[in-house]
Amino acid sequence: MSDQLPEDARRLGDAIAIPGDYQHRALTEGPPVQRHWHRAKLELLDWFCPPLPGGRALDVGCGSGVIADALATRGMEVLAVDANPEAVRYARTTFGRPGLELREGYLDELELPAASFDLATCLEIIEHVHLPQIEKLLGDLFALIRPGGRLLLTTPNYRGLWPLVEWAADRFASTANMDADQHVTHLHRRQLRRLIEGAGFELERIRCYCTLAPFVAPISARLARAVDGLERRIDLPFGNLLALVARRPEPVR
């Protein structure tokens, strides 16, 4: 992997503290919109980038361990990393099992062996760091993924409805403030494509999700699922979140 960035170019955490149980609590106890939002990330594993049973997965920025546990449940050997010690402790206590290893730290400090993962997940992480860190992270992930292996990545779509959602949530919702305190890099589809291809990946698919369905959830969970199913069939360009699958190319023989 590449050398570390200078300290003044590295963002080492959000401006506000995020509880270690945040993602798990949001999925299981949050308001309907929040529960649907976090459930949609889980469901990406089945409809957008199915895990490979028996393969090895890396979950970057694992938070409270929800995605890492889902990957392990689906038969993968998982290494999950996060720099928040409270999150790692919570994940170990809540989801500890054989085949799921949790490590505290930043990815570029862990000295992991190259080309050792079949799948890497990086869900709603890159918007929390500056652009040079994103470029370095993608380069590090390219080195860690085996040829033919894949990267699943999500981030807010700042050329869709997301800026309005973020503005409203920061002023009227009880969730932690996002703009500037958490989200410091605002990405869109074309820029994300450039970053992925610049790191050496082949982009297999990119699309929006979580557009209207989460906001129907307070009315009816069943209706929200129906809307979600429709959104999976139609890639709405103004969707709130971007999801992509990229592949590390096989060497030319």
C-alpha atoms as a PDB file:
ATOM      1  CA  MET A   1       0.000   0.000   0.000  1.00  0.00           C
ATOM      2  CA  SER A   2       1.054   3.607  -0.478  1.00  0.00           C
ATOM      3  CA  ASP A   3       2.731   5.728   2.169  1.00  0.00           C
ATOM      4  CA  GLN A   4       0.680   7.692   4.647  1.00  0.00           C
ATOM      5  CA  LEU A   5      -0.462  11.212   3.853  1.00  0.00           C
ATOM      6  CA  PRO A   6       1.083  14.117   5.774  1.00  0.00           C
ATOM      7  CA  GLU A   7      -0.691  14.666   9.087  1.00  0.00           C
ATOM      8  CA  ASP A   8      -2.117  18.008   7.952  1.00  0.00           C
ATOM      9  CA  ALA A   9      -3.834  16.224   5.047  1.00  0.00           C
ATOM     10  CA  ARG A  10      -5.427  13.516   7.195  1.00  0.00           C
ATOM     11  CA  ARG A  11      -8.808  13.884   8.851  1.00  0.00           C
ATOM     12  CA  LEU A  12      -8.789  11.627  11.908  1.00  0.00           C
ATOM     13  CA  GLY A  13     -12.448  11.483  12.851  1.00  0.00           C
ATOM     14  CA  ASP A  14     -15.549  13.634  12.811  1.00  0.00           C
ATOM     15  CA  ALA A  15     -15.876  16.940  14.627  1.00  0.00           C
ATOM     16  CA  ILE A  16     -18.518  15.345  16.869  1.00  0.00           C
ATOM     17  CA  ALA A  17     -18.385  12.051  18.749  1.00  0.00           C
ATOM     18  CA  ILE A  18     -20.432   9.185  17.300  1.00  0.00           C
ATOM     19  CA  PRO A  19     -21.551   6.528  19.837  1.00  0.00           C
ATOM     20  CA  GLY A  20     -20.116   3.067  19.269  1.00  0.00           C
ATOM     21  CA  ASP A  21     -23.562   1.487  18.927  1.00  0.00           C
ATOM     22  CA  TYR A  22     -24.874   4.081  16.467  1.00  0.00           C
ATOM     23  CA  GLN A  23     -25.427   1.964  13.314  1.00  0.00           C
ATOM     24  CA  HIS A  24     -26.916  -1.000  15.162  1.00  0.00           C
ATOM     25  CA  ARG A  25     -29.207   1.188  17.234  1.00  0.00           C
ATOM     26  CA  ALA A  26     -30.297   3.118  14.126  1.00  0.00           C
ATOM     27  CA  LEU A  27     -31.188  -0.162  12.402  1.00  0.00           C
ATOM     28  CA  THR A  28     -33.111  -1.666  15.298  1.00  0.00           C
ATOM     29  CA  GLU A  29     -34.448   1.247  17.376  1.00  0.00           C
ATOM     30  CA  GLY A  30     -34.306   4.388  15.242  1.00  0.00           C
ATOM     31  CA  PRO A  31     -37.254   6.288  13.773  1.00  0.00           C
ATOM     32  CA  PRO A  32     -38.864   4.611  10.722  1.00  0.00           C
ATOM     33  CA  VAL A  33     -36.903   6.686   8.179  1.00  0.00           C
ATOM     34  CA  GLN A  34     -33.612   5.854   9.855  1.00  0.00           C
ATOM     35  CA  ARG A  35     -34.427   2.152  10.233  1.00  0.00           C
ATOM     36  CA  HIS A  36     -35.319   1.868   6.560  1.00  0.00           C
ATOM     37  CA  TRP A  37     -32.173   3.775   5.566  1.00  0.00           C
ATOM     38  CA  HIS A  38     -29.884   1.371   7.442  1.00  0.00           C
ATOM     39  CA  ARG A  39     -31.826  -1.703   6.336  1.00  0.00           C
ATOM     40  CA  ALA A  40     -31.344  -0.604   2.719  1.00  0.00           C
ATOM     41  CA  LYS A  41     -27.557  -0.704   3.194  1.00  0.00           C
ATOM     42  CA  LEU A  42     -27.816  -4.270   4.464  1.00  0.00           C
ATOM     43  CA  GLU A  43     -29.962  -5.306   1.526  1.00  0.00           C
ATOM     44  CA  LEU A  44     -27.357  -4.033  -0.939  1.00  0.00           C
ATOM     45  CA  LEU A  45     -25.394  -7.155  -0.049  1.00  0.00           C
ATOM     46  CA  ASP A  46     -28.042  -9.363  -1.619  1.00  0.00           C
ATOM     47  CA  TRP A  47     -29.404  -7.459  -4.615  1.00  0.00           C
ATOM     48  CA  PHE A  48     -26.464  -5.309  -5.721  1.00  0.00           C
ATOM     49  CA  CYS A  49     -23.237  -7.082  -4.708  1.00  0.00           C
ATOM     50  CA  PRO A  50     -23.890 -10.595  -3.349  1.00  0.00           C
ATOM     51  CA  PRO A  51     -21.159 -11.881  -1.001  1.00  0.00           C
ATOM     52  CA  LEU A  52     -19.057 -14.866  -2.017  1.00  0.00           C
ATOM     53  CA  PRO A  53     -19.453 -17.680   0.560  1.00  0.00           C
ATOM     54  CA  GLY A  54     -16.019 -18.956   1.509  1.00  0.00           C
ATOM     55  CA  GLY A  55     -14.324 -15.767   0.338  1.00  0.00           C
ATOM     56  CA  ARG A  56     -12.531 -13.163   2.435  1.00  0.00           C
ATOM     57  CA  ALA A  57     -14.066  -9.727   3.027  1.00  0.00           C
ATOM     58  CA  LEU A  58     -12.747  -6.425   4.378  1.00  0.00           C
ATOM     59  CA  ASP A  59     -15.258  -3.987   5.910  1.00  0.00           C
ATOM     60  CA  VAL A  60     -13.703  -0.516   6.153  1.00  0.00           C
ATOM     61  CA  GLY A  61     -15.241   1.846   8.697  1.00  0.00           C
ATOM     62  CA  CYS A  62     -17.323  -0.957  10.175  1.00  0.00           C
ATOM     63  CA  GLY A  63     -18.902   1.145  12.930  1.00  0.00           C
ATOM     64  CA  SER A  64     -20.960  -1.003  15.280  1.00  0.00           C
ATOM     65  CA  GLY A  65     -20.454  -4.078  13.079  1.00  0.00           C
ATOM     66  CA  VAL A  66     -23.790  -4.482  11.300  1.00  0.00           C
ATOM     67  CA  ILE A  67     -22.396  -4.974   7.776  1.00  0.00           C
ATOM     68  CA  ALA A  68     -19.466  -7.074   8.982  1.00  0.00           C
ATOM     69  CA  ASP A  69     -21.854  -9.390  10.808  1.00  0.00           C
ATOM     70  CA  ALA A  70     -24.062  -9.652   7.712  1.00  0.00           C
ATOM     71  CA  LEU A  71     -21.061 -10.623   5.576  1.00  0.00           C
ATOM     72  CA  ALA A  72     -20.044 -13.264   8.115  1.00  0.00           C
ATOM     73  CA  THR A  73     -23.612 -14.553   8.299  1.00  0.00           C
ATOM     74  CA  ARG A  74     -23.513 -14.981   4.525  1.00  0.00           C
ATOM     75  CA  GLY A  75     -20.479 -17.256   4.760  1.00  0.00           C
ATOM     76  CA  MET A  76     -17.507 -14.939   4.314  1.00  0.00           C
ATOM     77  CA  GLU A  77     -14.419 -14.683   6.505  1.00  0.00           C
ATOM     78  CA  VAL A  78     -14.442 -11.027   7.558  1.00  0.00           C
ATOM     79  CA  LEU A  79     -11.914  -8.508   8.805  1.00  0.00           C
ATOM     80  CA  ALA A  80     -13.679  -5.336   9.968  1.00  0.00           C
ATOM     81  CA  VAL A  81     -11.755  -2.180  10.871  1.00  0.00           C
ATOM     82  CA  ASP A  82     -12.738   1.102  12.470  1.00  0.00           C
ATOM     83  CA  ALA A  83     -10.821   3.899  14.185  1.00  0.00           C
ATOM     84  CA  ASN A  84     -13.531   4.427  16.824  1.00  0.00           C
ATOM     85  CA  PRO A  85     -12.565   2.282  19.838  1.00  0.00           C
ATOM     86  CA  GLU A  86     -16.114   2.416  21.242  1.00  0.00           C
ATOM     87  CA  ALA A  87     -17.508   1.039  17.992  1.00  0.00           C
ATOM     88  CA  VAL A  88     -14.985  -1.804  17.872  1.00  0.00           C
ATOM     89  CA  ARG A  89     -15.714  -2.726  21.489  1.00  0.00           C
ATOM     90  CA  TYR A  90     -19.448  -2.711  20.820  1.00  0.00           C
ATOM     91  CA  ALA A  91     -19.079  -4.823  17.680  1.00  0.00           C
ATOM     92  CA  ARG A  92     -16.912  -7.384  19.471  1.00  0.00           C
ATOM     93  CA  THR A  93     -19.426  -7.683  22.291  1.00  0.00           C
ATOM     94  CA  THR A  94     -22.510  -7.780  20.071  1.00  0.00           C
ATOM     95  CA  PHE A  95     -21.357  -9.692  17.003  1.00  0.00           C
ATOM     96  CA  GLY A  96     -18.243 -11.592  18.075  1.00  0.00           C
ATOM     97  CA  ARG A  97     -18.094 -14.968  16.345  1.00  0.00           C
ATOM     98  CA  PRO A  98     -15.616 -17.257  14.562  1.00  0.00           C
ATOM     99  CA  GLY A  99     -14.810 -15.912  11.125  1.00  0.00           C
ATOM    100  CA  LEU A 100     -15.350 -12.268  12.130  1.00  0.00           C
ATOM    101  CA  GLU A 101     -12.255 -10.362  13.253  1.00  0.00           C
ATOM    102  CA  LEU A 102     -12.504  -6.739  14.407  1.00  0.00           C
ATOM    103  CA  ARG A 103      -9.526  -4.416  14.528  1.00  0.00           C
ATOM    104  CA  GLU A 104      -9.201  -0.856  15.781  1.00  0.00           C
ATOM    105  CA  GLY A 105      -7.245   1.578  13.649  1.00  0.00           C
ATOM    106  CA  TYR A 106      -6.943   3.319  10.304  1.00  0.00           C
ATOM    107  CA  LEU A 107      -6.615   1.093   7.269  1.00  0.00           C
ATOM    108  CA  ASP A 108      -3.270   2.497   6.171  1.00  0.00           C
ATOM    109  CA  GLU A 109      -1.760   1.786   9.615  1.00  0.00           C
ATOM    110  CA  LEU A 110      -2.642  -1.920   9.777  1.00  0.00           C
ATOM    111  CA  GLU A 111      -0.079  -3.295   7.288  1.00  0.00           C
ATOM    112  CA  LEU A 112      -2.412  -5.875   5.806  1.00  0.00           C
ATOM    113  CA  PRO A 113      -1.088  -8.300   3.165  1.00  0.00           C
ATOM    114  CA  ALA A 114      -1.625  -7.263  -0.438  1.00  0.00           C
ATOM    115  CA  ALA A 115      -4.196  -8.985  -2.653  1.00  0.00           C
ATOM    116  CA  SER A 116      -5.759 -10.831   0.274  1.00  0.00           C
ATOM    117  CA  PHE A 117      -9.486  -9.990  -0.011  1.00  0.00           C
ATOM    118  CA  ASP A 118     -12.190 -11.067  -2.442  1.00  0.00           C
ATOM    119  CA  LEU A 119     -14.518  -8.225  -1.441  1.00  0.00           C
ATOM    120  CA  ALA A 120     -14.133  -4.880   0.302  1.00  0.00           C
ATOM    121  CA  THR A 121     -17.039  -2.804   1.576  1.00  0.00           C
ATOM    122  CA  CYS A 122     -16.821   0.914   2.294  1.00  0.00           C
ATOM    123  CA  LEU A 123     -20.322   2.180   3.057  1.00  0.00           C
ATOM    124  CA  GLU A 124     -20.922   5.885   3.700  1.00  0.00           C
ATOM    125  CA  ILE A 125     -17.298   6.480   4.722  1.00  0.00           C
ATOM    126  CA  ILE A 126     -15.534   8.522   2.055  1.00  0.00           C
ATOM    127  CA  GLU A 127     -17.654  11.640   2.572  1.00  0.00           C
ATOM    128  CA  HIS A 128     -16.143  11.869   6.082  1.00  0.00           C
ATOM    129  CA  VAL A 129     -12.585  12.509   4.807  1.00  0.00           C
ATOM    130  CA  HIS A 130     -10.871  14.921   2.445  1.00  0.00           C
ATOM    131  CA  LEU A 131     -10.352  14.232  -1.248  1.00  0.00           C
ATOM    132  CA  PRO A 132      -6.631  13.269  -0.965  1.00  0.00           C
ATOM    133  CA  GLN A 133      -7.596  10.713   1.697  1.00  0.00           C
ATOM    134  CA  ILE A 134     -10.277   9.280  -0.582  1.00  0.00           C
ATOM    135  CA  GLU A 135      -7.748   8.889  -3.384  1.00  0.00           C
ATOM    136  CA  LYS A 136      -5.297   7.189  -1.038  1.00  0.00           C
ATOM    137  CA  LEU A 137      -7.970   4.946   0.468  1.00  0.00           C
ATOM    138  CA  LEU A 138      -9.053   3.764  -2.965  1.00  0.00           C
ATOM    139  CA  GLY A 139      -5.439   3.080  -3.877  1.00  0.00           C
ATOM    140  CA  ASP A 140      -4.959   1.084  -0.679  1.00  0.00           C
ATOM    141  CA  LEU A 141      -8.146  -0.896  -1.332  1.00  0.00           C
ATOM    142  CA  PHE A 142      -7.027  -1.648  -4.886  1.00  0.00           C
ATOM    143  CA  ALA A 143      -3.796  -3.108  -3.454  1.00  0.00           C
ATOM    144  CA  LEU A 144      -5.652  -5.190  -0.852  1.00  0.00           C
ATOM    145  CA  ILE A 145      -8.264  -6.690  -3.189  1.00  0.00           C
ATOM    146  CA  ARG A 146      -7.283  -9.747  -5.195  1.00  0.00           C
ATOM    147  CA  PRO A 147      -7.359  -9.526  -9.008  1.00  0.00           C
ATOM    148  CA  GLY A 148     -10.949 -10.243  -9.946  1.00  0.00           C
ATOM    149  CA  GLY A 149     -12.154  -9.133  -6.513  1.00  0.00           C
ATOM    150  CA  ARG A 150     -14.706  -6.369  -5.955  1.00  0.00           C
ATOM    151  CA  LEU A 151     -15.314  -3.184  -4.031  1.00  0.00           C
ATOM    152  CA  LEU A 152     -18.788  -2.158  -2.831  1.00  0.00           C
ATOM    153  CA  LEU A 153     -18.913   1.540  -1.978  1.00  0.00           C
ATOM    154  CA  THR A 154     -21.694   3.986  -1.099  1.00  0.00           C
ATOM    155  CA  THR A 155     -21.784   7.727  -0.466  1.00  0.00           C
ATOM    156  CA  PRO A 156     -24.382  10.536  -0.538  1.00  0.00           C
ATOM    157  CA  ASN A 157     -25.255  11.929  -3.968  1.00  0.00           C
ATOM    158  CA  TYR A 158     -24.707  15.683  -3.829  1.00  0.00           C
ATOM    159  CA  ARG A 159     -26.287  16.167  -7.246  1.00  0.00           C
ATOM    160  CA  GLY A 160     -29.559  14.652  -6.144  1.00  0.00           C
ATOM    161  CA  LEU A 161     -32.016  15.280  -3.346  1.00  0.00           C
ATOM    162  CA  TRP A 162     -29.438  14.571  -0.652  1.00  0.00           C
ATOM    163  CA  PRO A 163     -28.370  18.206   0.025  1.00  0.00           C
ATOM    164  CA  LEU A 164     -31.991  19.036   0.881  1.00  0.00           C
ATOM    165  CA  VAL A 165     -32.259  15.961   3.129  1.00  0.00           C
ATOM    166  CA  GLU A 166     -29.026  16.868   4.900  1.00  0.00           C
ATOM    167  CA  TRP A 167     -30.076  20.500   5.353  1.00  0.00           C
ATOM    168  CA  ALA A 168     -33.433  19.501   6.824  1.00  0.00           C
ATOM    169  CA  ALA A 169     -31.969  16.789   9.076  1.00  0.00           C
ATOM    170  CA  ASP A 170     -29.337  19.153  10.466  1.00  0.00           C
ATOM    171  CA  ARG A 171     -32.006  21.685  11.418  1.00  0.00           C
ATOM    172  CA  PHE A 172     -35.026  19.650  12.444  1.00  0.00           C
ATOM    173  CA  ALA A 173     -34.025  16.035  13.206  1.00  0.00           C
ATOM    174  CA  SER A 174     -32.476  14.603  16.359  1.00  0.00           C
ATOM    175  CA  THR A 175     -29.617  12.934  14.443  1.00  0.00           C
ATOM    176  CA  ALA A 176     -26.022  14.165  14.810  1.00  0.00           C
ATOM    177  CA  ASN A 177     -25.174  17.192  12.637  1.00  0.00           C
ATOM    178  CA  MET A 178     -23.782  16.070   9.274  1.00  0.00           C
ATOM    179  CA  ASP A 179     -22.698  19.056   7.180  1.00  0.00           C
ATOM    180  CA  ALA A 180     -19.074  19.984   8.014  1.00  0.00           C
ATOM    181  CA  ASP A 181     -19.137  18.153  11.352  1.00  0.00           C
ATOM    182  CA  GLN A 182     -19.290  14.775   9.597  1.00  0.00           C
ATOM    183  CA  HIS A 183     -19.490  15.232   5.824  1.00  0.00           C
ATOM    184  CA  VAL A 184     -16.597  17.241   4.385  1.00  0.00           C
ATOM    185  CA  THR A 185     -16.383  15.945   0.787  1.00  0.00           C
ATOM    186  CA  HIS A 186     -19.452  16.235  -1.439  1.00  0.00           C
ATOM    187  CA  LEU A 187     -19.385  13.725  -4.289  1.00  0.00           C
ATOM    188  CA  HIS A 188     -21.479  13.003  -7.355  1.00  0.00           C
ATOM    189  CA  ARG A 189     -21.684  10.216  -9.911  1.00  0.00           C
ATOM    190  CA  ARG A 190     -19.214  11.540 -12.479  1.00  0.00           C
ATOM    191  CA  GLN A 191     -16.609  12.459  -9.868  1.00  0.00           C
ATOM    192  CA  LEU A 192     -16.949   9.094  -8.178  1.00  0.00           C
ATOM    193  CA  ARG A 193     -16.414   7.326 -11.506  1.00  0.00           C
ATOM    194  CA  ARG A 194     -13.207   9.317 -12.063  1.00  0.00           C
ATOM    195  CA  LEU A 195     -11.906   8.457  -8.596  1.00  0.00           C
ATOM    196  CA  ILE A 196     -12.635   4.754  -8.984  1.00  0.00           C
ATOM    197  CA  GLU A 197     -11.080   4.476 -12.422  1.00  0.00           C
ATOM    198  CA  GLY A 198      -8.138   6.629 -11.342  1.00  0.00           C
ATOM    199  CA  ALA A 199      -7.357   4.073  -8.624  1.00  0.00           C
ATOM    200  CA  GLY A 200      -7.178   1.316 -11.259  1.00  0.00           C
ATOM    201  CA  PHE A 201     -10.592  -0.297 -10.775  1.00  0.00           C
ATOM    202  CA  GLU A 202     -13.017  -1.216 -13.526  1.00  0.00           C
ATOM    203  CA  LEU A 203     -16.444   0.209 -12.706  1.00  0.00           C
ATOM    204  CA  GLU A 204     -19.044  -2.537 -13.095  1.00  0.00           C
ATOM    205  CA  ARG A 205     -22.159  -0.643 -12.026  1.00  0.00           C
ATOM    206  CA  ILE A 206     -23.141   2.594 -10.338  1.00  0.00           C
ATOM    207  CA  ARG A 207     -26.637   3.781  -9.428  1.00  0.00           C
ATOM    208  CA  CYS A 208     -28.733   5.697  -6.936  1.00  0.00           C
ATOM    209  CA  TYR A 209     -30.835   4.166  -4.177  1.00  0.00           C
ATOM    210  CA  CYS A 210     -32.715   5.272  -1.047  1.00  0.00           C
ATOM    211  CA  THR A 211     -34.621   8.010  -2.840  1.00  0.00           C
ATOM    212  CA  LEU A 212     -38.258   8.150  -1.716  1.00  0.00           C
ATOM    213  CA  ALA A 213     -38.744   4.825   0.069  1.00  0.00           C
ATOM    214  CA  PRO A 214     -37.266   5.829   3.472  1.00  0.00           C
ATOM    215  CA  PHE A 215     -39.660   8.773   3.720  1.00  0.00           C
ATOM    216  CA  VAL A 216     -42.678   6.557   3.108  1.00  0.00           C
ATOM    217  CA  ALA A 217     -41.673   4.304   6.035  1.00  0.00           C
ATOM    218  CA  PRO A 218     -43.421   6.440   8.723  1.00  0.00           C
ATOM    219  CA  ILE A 219     -46.690   5.892   6.853  1.00  0.00           C
ATOM    220  CA  SER A 220     -46.265   2.168   6.221  1.00  0.00           C
ATOM    221  CA  ALA A 221     -43.267  -0.174   6.310  1.00  0.00           C
ATOM    222  CA  ARG A 222     -44.985  -2.371   3.739  1.00  0.00           C
ATOM    223  CA  LEU A 223     -45.508   0.560   1.379  1.00  0.00           C
ATOM    224  CA  ALA A 224     -41.889   1.641   1.865  1.00  0.00           C
ATOM    225  CA  ARG A 225     -40.710  -1.818   0.814  1.00  0.00           C
ATOM    226  CA  ALA A 226     -42.915  -1.672  -2.280  1.00  0.00           C
ATOM    227  CA  VAL A 227     -41.481   1.723  -3.227  1.00  0.00           C
ATOM    228  CA  ASP A 228     -37.988   0.383  -2.537  1.00  0.00           C
ATOM    229  CA  GLY A 229     -38.616  -2.519  -4.901  1.00  0.00           C
ATOM    230  CA  LEU A 230     -39.672  -0.071  -7.615  1.00  0.00           C
ATOM    231  CA  GLU A 231     -36.586   2.082  -7.037  1.00  0.00           C
ATOM    232  CA  ARG A 232     -34.355  -0.963  -7.491  1.00  0.00           C
ATOM    233  CA  ARG A 233     -35.731  -1.364 -11.002  1.00  0.00           C
ATOM    234  CA  ILE A 234     -35.408   2.336 -11.899  1.00  0.00           C
ATOM    235  CA  ASP A 235     -32.121   4.182 -11.412  1.00  0.00           C
ATOM    236  CA  LEU A 236     -33.371   7.622 -10.397  1.00  0.00           C
ATOM    237  CA  PRO A 237     -30.552  10.125 -11.060  1.00  0.00           C
ATOM    238  CA  PHE A 238     -31.667  12.376  -8.199  1.00  0.00           C
ATOM    239  CA  GLY A 239     -31.496   9.585  -5.578  1.00  0.00           C
ATOM    240  CA  ASN A 240     -30.042  10.291  -2.153  1.00  0.00           C
ATOM    241  CA  LEU A 241     -27.283   7.694  -2.102  1.00  0.00           C
ATOM    242  CA  LEU A 242     -24.871   6.414  -4.739  1.00  0.00           C
ATOM    243  CA  ALA A 243     -23.839   2.762  -4.727  1.00  0.00           C
ATOM    244  CA  LEU A 244     -21.169   1.264  -6.941  1.00  0.00           C
ATOM    245  CA  VAL A 245     -19.458  -2.043  -7.549  1.00  0.00           C
ATOM    246  CA  ALA A 246     -15.937  -1.919  -8.966  1.00  0.00           C
ATOM    247  CA  ARG A 247     -13.596  -4.751  -9.883  1.00  0.00           C
ATOM    248  CA  ARG A 248      -9.832  -5.087  -9.728  1.00  0.00           C
ATOM    249  CA  PRO A 249      -8.911  -6.291 -13.216  1.00  0.00           C
ATOM    250  CA  GLU A 250      -7.281  -9.652 -13.787  1.00  0.00           C
ATOM    251  CA  PRO A 251      -3.713  -9.407 -15.124  1.00  0.00           C
ATOM    252  CA  VAL A 252      -3.388  -9.632 -18.891  1.00  0.00           C
ATOM    253  CA  ARG A 253      -1.915 -12.970 -19.937  1.00  0.00           C
END
